[in-house]
C-alpha atoms as a PDB file:
ATOM      1  CA  MET A   1     -11.262  -5.748  12.961  1.00  0.00           C
ATOM      2  CA  SER A   2     -12.687  -2.438  11.812  1.00  0.00           C
ATOM      3  CA  GLU A   3     -10.811   0.004   9.603  1.00  0.00           C
ATOM      4  CA  GLU A   4     -10.473   2.494  12.504  1.00  0.00           C
ATOM      5  CA  ASN A   5      -8.866  -0.081  14.826  1.00  0.00           C
ATOM      6  CA  ALA A   6      -6.551  -1.669  12.268  1.00  0.00           C
ATOM      7  CA  GLU A   7      -2.847  -1.681  13.043  1.00  0.00           C
ATOM      8  CA  TYR A   8      -0.792  -0.258  10.190  1.00  0.00           C
ATOM      9  CA  ALA A   9       2.834  -0.950   9.358  1.00  0.00           C
ATOM     10  CA  PRO A  10       5.054   0.243   6.501  1.00  0.00           C
ATOM     11  CA  GLU A  11       5.440  -2.050   3.493  1.00  0.00           C
ATOM     12  CA  VAL A  12       7.620  -1.492   0.422  1.00  0.00           C
ATOM     13  CA  CYS A  13       5.740   0.220  -2.401  1.00  0.00           C
ATOM     14  CA  CYS A  14       5.330  -2.306  -5.225  1.00  0.00           C
ATOM     15  CA  HIS A  15       5.263   0.422  -7.869  1.00  0.00           C
ATOM     16  CA  CYS A  16       8.756   1.760  -7.202  1.00  0.00           C
ATOM     17  CA  GLY A  17      10.295  -1.095  -5.224  1.00  0.00           C
ATOM     18  CA  GLY A  18      11.224   1.233  -2.369  1.00  0.00           C
ATOM     19  CA  ILE A  19      12.967   3.933  -4.407  1.00  0.00           C
ATOM     20  CA  GLY A  20      10.159   6.457  -3.945  1.00  0.00           C
ATOM     21  CA  CYS A  21       7.443   7.569  -6.343  1.00  0.00           C
ATOM     22  CA  MET A  22       4.317   9.709  -6.527  1.00  0.00           C
ATOM     23  CA  TYR A  23       2.145   6.839  -5.247  1.00  0.00           C
ATOM     24  CA  CYS A  24       4.071   6.478  -1.960  1.00  0.00           C
ATOM     25  CA  ASN A  25       4.782  10.213  -1.571  1.00  0.00           C
ATOM     26  CA  LYS A  26       8.468   9.570  -2.390  1.00  0.00           C
ATOM     27  CA  LYS A  27       8.872   7.555   0.834  1.00  0.00           C
ATOM     28  CA  GLY A  28       9.374   4.135  -0.740  1.00  0.00           C
ATOM     29  CA  THR A  29       6.863   2.604   1.678  1.00  0.00           C
ATOM     30  CA  VAL A  30       3.116   2.736   2.234  1.00  0.00           C
ATOM     31  CA  MET A  31       1.185   2.142   5.444  1.00  0.00           C
ATOM     32  CA  VAL A  32      -0.825  -1.077   5.153  1.00  0.00           C
ATOM     33  CA  PRO A  33      -3.179  -2.746   7.657  1.00  0.00           C
ATOM     34  CA  GLN A  34      -1.651  -5.843   9.209  1.00  0.00           C
ATOM     35  CA  PRO A  35      -1.399  -8.606   8.305  1.00  0.00           C
ATOM     36  CA  ALA A  36      -0.340  -7.138   4.956  1.00  0.00           C
ATOM     37  CA  GLN A  37      -2.024  -8.572   1.867  1.00  0.00           C
ATOM     38  CA  LYS A  38      -1.223  -8.024  -1.801  1.00  0.00           C
ATOM     39  CA  CYS A  39      -4.028  -6.401  -3.790  1.00  0.00           C
ATOM     40  CA  ARG A  40      -6.655  -8.998  -4.716  1.00  0.00           C
ATOM     41  CA  HIS A  41      -7.312  -7.290  -8.053  1.00  0.00           C
ATOM     42  CA  CYS A  42      -3.744  -7.158  -9.389  1.00  0.00           C
ATOM     43  CA  ASP A  43      -1.853  -9.517  -7.042  1.00  0.00           C
ATOM     44  CA  GLY A  44       0.689  -6.776  -6.331  1.00  0.00           C
ATOM     45  CA  ASP A  45       1.235  -5.620  -9.926  1.00  0.00           C
ATOM     46  CA  CYS A  46      -0.382  -2.195  -9.233  1.00  0.00           C
ATOM     47  CA  CYS A  47      -3.831  -1.036 -10.325  1.00  0.00           C
ATOM     48  CA  ILE A  48      -6.433   1.636  -9.603  1.00  0.00           C
ATOM     49  CA  TYR A  49      -7.903  -0.390  -6.721  1.00  0.00           C
ATOM     50  CA  CYS A  50      -4.695  -0.357  -4.666  1.00  0.00           C
ATOM     51  CA  GLY A  51      -3.671   3.162  -5.653  1.00  0.00           C
ATOM     52  CA  TYR A  52      -0.780   1.667  -7.657  1.00  0.00           C
ATOM     53  CA  THR A  53       0.917   0.527  -4.432  1.00  0.00           C
ATOM     54  CA  GLY A  54       0.274  -3.206  -4.862  1.00  0.00           C
ATOM     55  CA  TRP A  55      -1.264  -3.561  -1.379  1.00  0.00           C
ATOM     56  CA  GLU A  56      -4.799  -4.176  -0.126  1.00  0.00           C
ATOM     57  CA  ARG A  57      -6.344  -1.092   1.589  1.00  0.00           C
ATOM     58  CA  PRO A  58      -3.266   1.191   1.805  1.00  0.00           C
ATOM     59  CA  LEU A  59      -3.617   4.172   4.138  1.00  0.00           C
ATOM     60  CA  LYS A  60      -4.355   7.327   2.157  1.00  0.00           C
ATOM     61  CA  GLU A  61      -1.919  10.036   3.212  1.00  0.00           C
ATOM     62  CA  TYR A  62      -2.650  13.512   1.908  1.00  0.00           C
END
């Protein structure tokens, strides 16, 4: 499935645990392509590759 056709669903931000932070735009969730997968680089512990969200390929919302 290509990036353009991926279905996204909200997942709890691993950085703040759903409280809201600068990485999830204070929403507590991030949009992640389904099926949701933890970041392969940090296994959900937050790193530069997942934008500190803990998820693989989070949707960038500006």
